[in-house]
């Protein structure tokens, strides 16, 4: 119960990684404010209530709407108390197009949700963290922040920008007892990933040394550590959780390994 008594806000809490994070934080004693645009956030809240006795609030807020974020955080603080932790998990991955065919609206919306959204939340909660002399911010980025992602320029650019935001929060607020770290998941077994065509996931796994999908609970465990007192000196870090997928996948010394990868199936 290393998070007992802490109030933590989680965005994108309606399912997948966000739901796993919410359940893990509650299991360690944190009271939660769960944000999402969809109705599934209520299902996450119900599962948290069934598994623990922490306090849980929900809100449907577009993180890209700065005014809505300010008002929503004010309501949460009024009902739950000061926010000590923030997990920026909400993200948009739906825009797949070559750069020359990505519309203005697609580009702007992806950056608004994935980069401006975390900025809006951080700006809203950090004054309270400064007053308390304690705060934990975890930004869920992506391996795409380092290596790009084919025909997903908006996603990779926004997740890369999130690393820059993480660094600046650390530079500006570390001396106030606040940490800000980024987690860079690889391919994680969420409903969206399970719905992908098998040839796509098989190809991705053939380039991943662990040869498996990551589990949402593995990301949640890392986030819980970063939200704890134990991680007080971990600040401005960019932590890969990708089964080694960020490493160079080329094989130059074994024709057998090349053949095995070409024939890889789960």
C-alpha atoms as a PDB file:
ATOM      1  CA  UNK A   1       0.000   0.000   0.000  1.00  0.00           C
ATOM      2  CA  UNK A   2       2.808   2.409  -0.869  1.00  0.00           C
ATOM      3  CA  UNK A   3       0.338   4.875  -2.451  1.00  0.00           C
ATOM      4  CA  UNK A   4      -2.140   4.911   0.415  1.00  0.00           C
ATOM      5  CA  UNK A   5      -3.734   8.318   0.834  1.00  0.00           C
ATOM      6  CA  UNK A   6      -2.425   9.702  -2.463  1.00  0.00           C
ATOM      7  CA  UNK A   7      -4.872  11.172  -4.974  1.00  0.00           C
ATOM      8  CA  UNK A   8      -3.897  10.280  -8.547  1.00  0.00           C
ATOM      9  CA  UNK A   9      -5.512  11.399 -11.800  1.00  0.00           C
ATOM     10  CA  UNK A  10      -5.366   8.989 -14.745  1.00  0.00           C
ATOM     11  CA  UNK A  11      -6.374  10.016 -18.263  1.00  0.00           C
ATOM     12  CA  UNK A  12      -7.459   7.522 -20.908  1.00  0.00           C
ATOM     13  CA  UNK A  13      -8.699   5.291 -18.091  1.00  0.00           C
ATOM     14  CA  UNK A  14     -11.517   3.643 -20.051  1.00  0.00           C
ATOM     15  CA  UNK A  15      -9.634   0.524 -21.086  1.00  0.00           C
ATOM     16  CA  UNK A  16      -6.374  -1.109 -22.103  1.00  0.00           C
ATOM     17  CA  UNK A  17      -3.290   0.307 -20.436  1.00  0.00           C
ATOM     18  CA  UNK A  18      -5.283   3.030 -18.660  1.00  0.00           C
ATOM     19  CA  UNK A  19      -7.561   0.510 -16.982  1.00  0.00           C
ATOM     20  CA  UNK A  20      -4.634  -1.653 -15.888  1.00  0.00           C
ATOM     21  CA  UNK A  21      -2.882   1.404 -14.440  1.00  0.00           C
ATOM     22  CA  UNK A  22      -6.026   2.431 -12.574  1.00  0.00           C
ATOM     23  CA  UNK A  23      -6.480  -1.029 -11.028  1.00  0.00           C
ATOM     24  CA  UNK A  24      -2.821  -1.238  -9.985  1.00  0.00           C
ATOM     25  CA  UNK A  25      -2.772   2.234  -8.408  1.00  0.00           C
ATOM     26  CA  UNK A  26      -5.978   1.505  -6.496  1.00  0.00           C
ATOM     27  CA  UNK A  27      -4.541  -1.814  -5.380  1.00  0.00           C
ATOM     28  CA  UNK A  28      -1.653   0.114  -3.838  1.00  0.00           C
ATOM     29  CA  UNK A  29      -4.040   2.417  -1.962  1.00  0.00           C
ATOM     30  CA  UNK A  30      -4.388   5.468  -4.204  1.00  0.00           C
ATOM     31  CA  UNK A  31      -7.662   7.363  -4.543  1.00  0.00           C
ATOM     32  CA  UNK A  32      -8.398   7.921  -8.208  1.00  0.00           C
ATOM     33  CA  UNK A  33      -9.825  10.486 -10.586  1.00  0.00           C
ATOM     34  CA  UNK A  34     -10.423   8.695 -13.892  1.00  0.00           C
ATOM     35  CA  UNK A  35     -10.764  10.708 -17.104  1.00  0.00           C
ATOM     36  CA  UNK A  36     -11.875   9.507 -20.518  1.00  0.00           C
ATOM     37  CA  UNK A  37     -14.190  10.582 -23.318  1.00  0.00           C
ATOM     38  CA  UNK A  38     -16.032   7.254 -23.491  1.00  0.00           C
ATOM     39  CA  UNK A  39     -18.537   5.507 -21.252  1.00  0.00           C
ATOM     40  CA  UNK A  40     -16.076   2.679 -20.569  1.00  0.00           C
ATOM     41  CA  UNK A  41     -14.474   4.811 -17.859  1.00  0.00           C
ATOM     42  CA  UNK A  42     -17.459   3.925 -15.673  1.00  0.00           C
ATOM     43  CA  UNK A  43     -16.684   0.244 -16.141  1.00  0.00           C
ATOM     44  CA  UNK A  44     -13.117   0.878 -15.014  1.00  0.00           C
ATOM     45  CA  UNK A  45     -14.404   2.725 -11.953  1.00  0.00           C
ATOM     46  CA  UNK A  46     -16.744  -0.134 -11.113  1.00  0.00           C
ATOM     47  CA  UNK A  47     -13.941  -2.672 -11.365  1.00  0.00           C
ATOM     48  CA  UNK A  48     -11.796  -0.521  -9.094  1.00  0.00           C
ATOM     49  CA  UNK A  49     -14.601  -0.291  -6.524  1.00  0.00           C
ATOM     50  CA  UNK A  50     -15.101  -4.041  -6.593  1.00  0.00           C
ATOM     51  CA  UNK A  51     -11.391  -4.682  -6.030  1.00  0.00           C
ATOM     52  CA  UNK A  52     -10.608  -2.052  -3.391  1.00  0.00           C
ATOM     53  CA  UNK A  53     -12.103   0.458  -0.987  1.00  0.00           C
ATOM     54  CA  UNK A  54     -10.415   3.590  -2.338  1.00  0.00           C
ATOM     55  CA  UNK A  55     -12.351   6.649  -3.479  1.00  0.00           C
ATOM     56  CA  UNK A  56     -12.987   6.891  -7.225  1.00  0.00           C
ATOM     57  CA  UNK A  57     -14.289   9.791  -9.290  1.00  0.00           C
ATOM     58  CA  UNK A  58     -14.891   9.797 -13.044  1.00  0.00           C
ATOM     59  CA  UNK A  59     -15.153  12.596 -15.587  1.00  0.00           C
ATOM     60  CA  UNK A  60     -15.624  12.749 -19.348  1.00  0.00           C
ATOM     61  CA  UNK A  61     -13.229  15.441 -20.480  1.00  0.00           C
ATOM     62  CA  UNK A  62     -11.472  16.105 -23.767  1.00  0.00           C
ATOM     63  CA  UNK A  63      -7.874  16.594 -22.625  1.00  0.00           C
ATOM     64  CA  UNK A  64      -7.232  18.807 -25.651  1.00  0.00           C
ATOM     65  CA  UNK A  65      -9.760  21.358 -24.326  1.00  0.00           C
ATOM     66  CA  UNK A  66      -7.784  23.558 -21.940  1.00  0.00           C
ATOM     67  CA  UNK A  67     -10.833  25.220 -20.406  1.00  0.00           C
ATOM     68  CA  UNK A  68     -12.536  21.868 -19.813  1.00  0.00           C
ATOM     69  CA  UNK A  69      -9.387  20.517 -18.187  1.00  0.00           C
ATOM     70  CA  UNK A  70      -9.091  23.489 -15.833  1.00  0.00           C
ATOM     71  CA  UNK A  71     -12.729  23.222 -14.810  1.00  0.00           C
ATOM     72  CA  UNK A  72     -12.572  19.439 -14.463  1.00  0.00           C
ATOM     73  CA  UNK A  73      -9.446  19.484 -12.310  1.00  0.00           C
ATOM     74  CA  UNK A  74     -11.000  22.158 -10.089  1.00  0.00           C
ATOM     75  CA  UNK A  75     -14.053  19.936  -9.539  1.00  0.00           C
ATOM     76  CA  UNK A  76     -11.872  16.917  -8.809  1.00  0.00           C
ATOM     77  CA  UNK A  77      -9.792  18.819  -6.250  1.00  0.00           C
ATOM     78  CA  UNK A  78     -12.986  20.075  -4.615  1.00  0.00           C
ATOM     79  CA  UNK A  79     -14.437  16.558  -4.346  1.00  0.00           C
ATOM     80  CA  UNK A  80     -11.345  14.399  -3.851  1.00  0.00           C
ATOM     81  CA  UNK A  81      -8.682  16.708  -2.498  1.00  0.00           C
ATOM     82  CA  UNK A  82      -5.292  17.858  -3.864  1.00  0.00           C
ATOM     83  CA  UNK A  83      -3.909  15.874  -6.777  1.00  0.00           C
ATOM     84  CA  UNK A  84      -0.565  14.322  -5.905  1.00  0.00           C
ATOM     85  CA  UNK A  85      -0.110  12.184  -9.010  1.00  0.00           C
ATOM     86  CA  UNK A  86      -0.910  12.500 -12.702  1.00  0.00           C
ATOM     87  CA  UNK A  87      -0.692   9.763 -15.333  1.00  0.00           C
ATOM     88  CA  UNK A  88      -1.044  11.155 -18.841  1.00  0.00           C
ATOM     89  CA  UNK A  89      -2.176   8.031 -20.658  1.00  0.00           C
ATOM     90  CA  UNK A  90      -4.855   9.343 -23.050  1.00  0.00           C
ATOM     91  CA  UNK A  91      -3.695   9.032 -26.635  1.00  0.00           C
ATOM     92  CA  UNK A  92      -4.883   8.929 -30.226  1.00  0.00           C
ATOM     93  CA  UNK A  93      -3.425   6.399 -32.672  1.00  0.00           C
ATOM     94  CA  UNK A  94      -6.082   6.283 -35.372  1.00  0.00           C
ATOM     95  CA  UNK A  95      -4.534   8.545 -38.025  1.00  0.00           C
ATOM     96  CA  UNK A  96      -2.680   6.373 -40.534  1.00  0.00           C
ATOM     97  CA  UNK A  97      -1.669   8.147 -43.745  1.00  0.00           C
ATOM     98  CA  UNK A  98       1.421   9.186 -45.692  1.00  0.00           C
ATOM     99  CA  UNK A  99       2.617  12.663 -44.761  1.00  0.00           C
ATOM    100  CA  UNK A 100       1.495  14.131 -48.090  1.00  0.00           C
ATOM    101  CA  UNK A 101      -2.037  12.782 -47.552  1.00  0.00           C
ATOM    102  CA  UNK A 102      -2.493  13.496 -43.848  1.00  0.00           C
ATOM    103  CA  UNK A 103      -5.128  16.179 -43.485  1.00  0.00           C
ATOM    104  CA  UNK A 104      -4.703  19.307 -41.397  1.00  0.00           C
ATOM    105  CA  UNK A 105      -7.484  18.075 -39.112  1.00  0.00           C
ATOM    106  CA  UNK A 106      -5.845  14.676 -38.559  1.00  0.00           C
ATOM    107  CA  UNK A 107      -2.471  16.194 -37.783  1.00  0.00           C
ATOM    108  CA  UNK A 108      -3.823  18.862 -35.457  1.00  0.00           C
ATOM    109  CA  UNK A 109      -6.110  16.494 -33.558  1.00  0.00           C
ATOM    110  CA  UNK A 110      -3.361  13.973 -32.919  1.00  0.00           C
ATOM    111  CA  UNK A 111      -0.996  16.618 -31.558  1.00  0.00           C
ATOM    112  CA  UNK A 112      -3.838  18.168 -29.545  1.00  0.00           C
ATOM    113  CA  UNK A 113      -4.658  14.912 -27.734  1.00  0.00           C
ATOM    114  CA  UNK A 114      -1.198  13.370 -27.427  1.00  0.00           C
ATOM    115  CA  UNK A 115       0.882  16.458 -26.626  1.00  0.00           C
ATOM    116  CA  UNK A 116      -1.265  19.475 -25.812  1.00  0.00           C
ATOM    117  CA  UNK A 117      -3.503  17.281 -23.628  1.00  0.00           C
ATOM    118  CA  UNK A 118      -0.685  16.301 -21.246  1.00  0.00           C
ATOM    119  CA  UNK A 119       0.468  19.921 -21.188  1.00  0.00           C
ATOM    120  CA  UNK A 120      -3.045  21.029 -20.208  1.00  0.00           C
ATOM    121  CA  UNK A 121      -3.214  18.487 -17.380  1.00  0.00           C
ATOM    122  CA  UNK A 122       0.278  19.239 -16.076  1.00  0.00           C
ATOM    123  CA  UNK A 123      -0.407  22.965 -16.080  1.00  0.00           C
ATOM    124  CA  UNK A 124      -3.637  22.405 -14.157  1.00  0.00           C
ATOM    125  CA  UNK A 125      -2.263  20.149 -11.397  1.00  0.00           C
ATOM    126  CA  UNK A 126       1.283  21.343 -10.866  1.00  0.00           C
ATOM    127  CA  UNK A 127       0.525  24.426  -8.729  1.00  0.00           C
ATOM    128  CA  UNK A 128      -1.050  22.122  -6.126  1.00  0.00           C
ATOM    129  CA  UNK A 129       1.968  19.829  -6.258  1.00  0.00           C
ATOM    130  CA  UNK A 130       4.268  22.803  -5.715  1.00  0.00           C
ATOM    131  CA  UNK A 131       2.214  23.870  -2.701  1.00  0.00           C
ATOM    132  CA  UNK A 132       2.422  20.339  -1.280  1.00  0.00           C
ATOM    133  CA  UNK A 133       6.136  19.960  -2.015  1.00  0.00           C
ATOM    134  CA  UNK A 134       5.409  16.559  -3.580  1.00  0.00           C
ATOM    135  CA  UNK A 135       4.183  15.338  -6.933  1.00  0.00           C
ATOM    136  CA  UNK A 136       4.463  12.488  -9.406  1.00  0.00           C
ATOM    137  CA  UNK A 137       3.829  12.891 -13.137  1.00  0.00           C
ATOM    138  CA  UNK A 138       4.088   9.966 -15.552  1.00  0.00           C
ATOM    139  CA  UNK A 139       3.706  10.548 -19.276  1.00  0.00           C
ATOM    140  CA  UNK A 140       2.887   7.510 -21.404  1.00  0.00           C
ATOM    141  CA  UNK A 141       4.863   8.027 -24.588  1.00  0.00           C
ATOM    142  CA  UNK A 142       5.772   5.273 -27.102  1.00  0.00           C
ATOM    143  CA  UNK A 143       8.697   3.562 -28.777  1.00  0.00           C
ATOM    144  CA  UNK A 144       7.545   5.554 -31.823  1.00  0.00           C
ATOM    145  CA  UNK A 145       8.954   8.631 -30.083  1.00  0.00           C
ATOM    146  CA  UNK A 146      12.460   7.328 -30.766  1.00  0.00           C
ATOM    147  CA  UNK A 147      12.193   5.484 -34.067  1.00  0.00           C
ATOM    148  CA  UNK A 148       9.152   6.933 -35.808  1.00  0.00           C
ATOM    149  CA  UNK A 149       6.257   4.845 -37.085  1.00  0.00           C
ATOM    150  CA  UNK A 150       5.508   4.164 -40.730  1.00  0.00           C
ATOM    151  CA  UNK A 151       2.682   6.393 -41.997  1.00  0.00           C
ATOM    152  CA  UNK A 152       1.884   7.650 -38.500  1.00  0.00           C
ATOM    153  CA  UNK A 153       3.782  10.941 -38.506  1.00  0.00           C
ATOM    154  CA  UNK A 154       1.330  12.670 -36.181  1.00  0.00           C
ATOM    155  CA  UNK A 155       1.563   9.934 -33.584  1.00  0.00           C
ATOM    156  CA  UNK A 156       5.348   9.652 -33.566  1.00  0.00           C
ATOM    157  CA  UNK A 157       5.855  13.426 -33.613  1.00  0.00           C
ATOM    158  CA  UNK A 158       3.442  13.984 -30.724  1.00  0.00           C
ATOM    159  CA  UNK A 159       4.938  11.184 -28.635  1.00  0.00           C
ATOM    160  CA  UNK A 160       8.403  12.569 -29.321  1.00  0.00           C
ATOM    161  CA  UNK A 161       7.255  16.005 -28.212  1.00  0.00           C
ATOM    162  CA  UNK A 162       5.982  14.444 -25.002  1.00  0.00           C
ATOM    163  CA  UNK A 163       9.568  13.512 -24.140  1.00  0.00           C
ATOM    164  CA  UNK A 164      10.606  17.148 -24.502  1.00  0.00           C
ATOM    165  CA  UNK A 165       7.747  18.188 -22.228  1.00  0.00           C
ATOM    166  CA  UNK A 166       8.833  15.575 -19.677  1.00  0.00           C
ATOM    167  CA  UNK A 167      12.363  16.943 -19.615  1.00  0.00           C
ATOM    168  CA  UNK A 168      11.223  20.518 -19.138  1.00  0.00           C
ATOM    169  CA  UNK A 169       8.908  19.678 -16.243  1.00  0.00           C
ATOM    170  CA  UNK A 170      11.856  18.026 -14.514  1.00  0.00           C
ATOM    171  CA  UNK A 171      14.154  20.982 -15.152  1.00  0.00           C
ATOM    172  CA  UNK A 172      11.609  23.449 -13.821  1.00  0.00           C
ATOM    173  CA  UNK A 173      10.091  21.574 -10.876  1.00  0.00           C
ATOM    174  CA  UNK A 174      12.482  18.903  -9.587  1.00  0.00           C
ATOM    175  CA  UNK A 175      13.580  21.158  -6.741  1.00  0.00           C
ATOM    176  CA  UNK A 176       9.940  21.371  -5.619  1.00  0.00           C
ATOM    177  CA  UNK A 177       9.741  17.653  -4.823  1.00  0.00           C
ATOM    178  CA  UNK A 178       8.074  16.809  -8.152  1.00  0.00           C
ATOM    179  CA  UNK A 179       9.183  14.055 -10.517  1.00  0.00           C
ATOM    180  CA  UNK A 180       8.187  13.734 -14.154  1.00  0.00           C
ATOM    181  CA  UNK A 181       9.073  10.618 -16.115  1.00  0.00           C
ATOM    182  CA  UNK A 182       8.091   9.050 -19.420  1.00  0.00           C
ATOM    183  CA  UNK A 183       7.259   5.415 -20.113  1.00  0.00           C
ATOM    184  CA  UNK A 184       7.719   4.217 -23.692  1.00  0.00           C
ATOM    185  CA  UNK A 185       5.664   1.059 -24.272  1.00  0.00           C
ATOM    186  CA  UNK A 186       6.207  -1.188 -27.224  1.00  0.00           C
ATOM    187  CA  UNK A 187       3.443  -3.398 -28.605  1.00  0.00           C
ATOM    188  CA  UNK A 188       1.116  -4.088 -25.668  1.00  0.00           C
ATOM    189  CA  UNK A 189      -1.735  -6.609 -25.710  1.00  0.00           C
ATOM    190  CA  UNK A 190      -4.684  -4.239 -25.576  1.00  0.00           C
ATOM    191  CA  UNK A 191      -8.022  -4.801 -27.370  1.00  0.00           C
ATOM    192  CA  UNK A 192      -6.852  -2.540 -30.193  1.00  0.00           C
ATOM    193  CA  UNK A 193      -3.675  -4.566 -30.710  1.00  0.00           C
ATOM    194  CA  UNK A 194      -5.565  -7.868 -30.523  1.00  0.00           C
ATOM    195  CA  UNK A 195      -7.797  -6.560 -33.330  1.00  0.00           C
ATOM    196  CA  UNK A 196      -4.854  -5.941 -35.652  1.00  0.00           C
ATOM    197  CA  UNK A 197      -4.360  -8.365 -38.577  1.00  0.00           C
ATOM    198  CA  UNK A 198      -2.159 -11.292 -37.590  1.00  0.00           C
ATOM    199  CA  UNK A 199       0.487 -10.638 -40.288  1.00  0.00           C
ATOM    200  CA  UNK A 200       1.095  -7.169 -38.852  1.00  0.00           C
ATOM    201  CA  UNK A 201       1.503  -8.312 -35.253  1.00  0.00           C
ATOM    202  CA  UNK A 202       3.548 -11.344 -36.293  1.00  0.00           C
ATOM    203  CA  UNK A 203       5.944  -9.117 -38.231  1.00  0.00           C
ATOM    204  CA  UNK A 204       6.282  -6.758 -35.272  1.00  0.00           C
ATOM    205  CA  UNK A 205       6.943  -9.644 -32.891  1.00  0.00           C
ATOM    206  CA  UNK A 206       9.571 -11.095 -35.220  1.00  0.00           C
ATOM    207  CA  UNK A 207      11.541  -7.869 -34.662  1.00  0.00           C
ATOM    208  CA  UNK A 208      11.075  -7.945 -30.885  1.00  0.00           C
ATOM    209  CA  UNK A 209      13.734  -9.896 -28.931  1.00  0.00           C
ATOM    210  CA  UNK A 210      11.175 -11.034 -26.320  1.00  0.00           C
ATOM    211  CA  UNK A 211       9.009 -12.500 -29.124  1.00  0.00           C
ATOM    212  CA  UNK A 212       5.791 -11.647 -27.318  1.00  0.00           C
ATOM    213  CA  UNK A 213       3.363  -8.828 -26.683  1.00  0.00           C
ATOM    214  CA  UNK A 214       3.733  -6.843 -23.501  1.00  0.00           C
ATOM    215  CA  UNK A 215       0.939  -6.936 -20.946  1.00  0.00           C
ATOM    216  CA  UNK A 216      -0.909  -3.836 -19.702  1.00  0.00           C
ATOM    217  CA  UNK A 217      -0.195  -4.963 -16.156  1.00  0.00           C
ATOM    218  CA  UNK A 218       3.540  -4.740 -16.836  1.00  0.00           C
ATOM    219  CA  UNK A 219       3.182  -1.088 -17.793  1.00  0.00           C
ATOM    220  CA  UNK A 220       0.956  -0.523 -14.755  1.00  0.00           C
ATOM    221  CA  UNK A 221       3.587  -1.953 -12.397  1.00  0.00           C
ATOM    222  CA  UNK A 222       6.192   0.458 -13.736  1.00  0.00           C
ATOM    223  CA  UNK A 223       3.815   3.413 -13.432  1.00  0.00           C
ATOM    224  CA  UNK A 224       2.985   2.490  -9.840  1.00  0.00           C
ATOM    225  CA  UNK A 225       6.689   2.502  -8.959  1.00  0.00           C
ATOM    226  CA  UNK A 226       7.189   5.899 -10.591  1.00  0.00           C
ATOM    227  CA  UNK A 227       4.257   7.276  -8.570  1.00  0.00           C
ATOM    228  CA  UNK A 228       5.740   6.095  -5.281  1.00  0.00           C
ATOM    229  CA  UNK A 229       8.175   7.569  -2.757  1.00  0.00           C
ATOM    230  CA  UNK A 230      10.657   4.897  -3.818  1.00  0.00           C
ATOM    231  CA  UNK A 231      11.121   6.653  -7.177  1.00  0.00           C
ATOM    232  CA  UNK A 232      11.909  10.057  -5.659  1.00  0.00           C
ATOM    233  CA  UNK A 233      15.312  10.308  -7.381  1.00  0.00           C
ATOM    234  CA  UNK A 234      14.113   9.011 -10.761  1.00  0.00           C
ATOM    235  CA  UNK A 235      13.393  12.195 -12.676  1.00  0.00           C
ATOM    236  CA  UNK A 236      13.298  13.152 -16.333  1.00  0.00           C
ATOM    237  CA  UNK A 237      13.785   9.495 -17.250  1.00  0.00           C
ATOM    238  CA  UNK A 238      12.595   7.884 -20.472  1.00  0.00           C
ATOM    239  CA  UNK A 239      11.971   4.238 -19.655  1.00  0.00           C
ATOM    240  CA  UNK A 240      11.475   1.756 -22.490  1.00  0.00           C
ATOM    241  CA  UNK A 241       9.055  -1.115 -21.860  1.00  0.00           C
ATOM    242  CA  UNK A 242       9.179  -2.845 -25.212  1.00  0.00           C
ATOM    243  CA  UNK A 243      10.720  -6.290 -24.800  1.00  0.00           C
ATOM    244  CA  UNK A 244      13.884  -4.991 -26.439  1.00  0.00           C
ATOM    245  CA  UNK A 245      12.027  -3.854 -29.556  1.00  0.00           C
ATOM    246  CA  UNK A 246      13.965  -0.566 -29.714  1.00  0.00           C
ATOM    247  CA  UNK A 247      17.192  -2.456 -30.447  1.00  0.00           C
ATOM    248  CA  UNK A 248      18.566  -2.921 -33.939  1.00  0.00           C
ATOM    249  CA  UNK A 249      16.693  -5.854 -35.553  1.00  0.00           C
ATOM    250  CA  UNK A 250      19.242  -6.523 -38.304  1.00  0.00           C
ATOM    251  CA  UNK A 251      20.898  -9.948 -38.409  1.00  0.00           C
ATOM    252  CA  UNK A 252      24.226 -10.059 -40.247  1.00  0.00           C
ATOM    253  CA  UNK A 253      25.754 -13.212 -38.824  1.00  0.00           C
ATOM    254  CA  UNK A 254      23.219 -16.007 -39.271  1.00  0.00           C
ATOM    255  CA  UNK A 255      21.196 -17.087 -42.296  1.00  0.00           C
ATOM    256  CA  UNK A 256      19.326 -19.499 -40.015  1.00  0.00           C
ATOM    257  CA  UNK A 257      18.126 -16.616 -37.781  1.00  0.00           C
ATOM    258  CA  UNK A 258      17.050 -14.613 -40.838  1.00  0.00           C
ATOM    259  CA  UNK A 259      15.007 -17.582 -42.060  1.00  0.00           C
ATOM    260  CA  UNK A 260      13.473 -18.105 -38.621  1.00  0.00           C
ATOM    261  CA  UNK A 261      12.360 -14.494 -38.465  1.00  0.00           C
ATOM    262  CA  UNK A 262      10.853 -14.621 -41.925  1.00  0.00           C
ATOM    263  CA  UNK A 263       8.849 -17.680 -40.890  1.00  0.00           C
ATOM    264  CA  UNK A 264       7.933 -16.372 -37.422  1.00  0.00           C
ATOM    265  CA  UNK A 265       4.404 -17.041 -36.205  1.00  0.00           C
ATOM    266  CA  UNK A 266       2.990 -16.750 -32.711  1.00  0.00           C
END
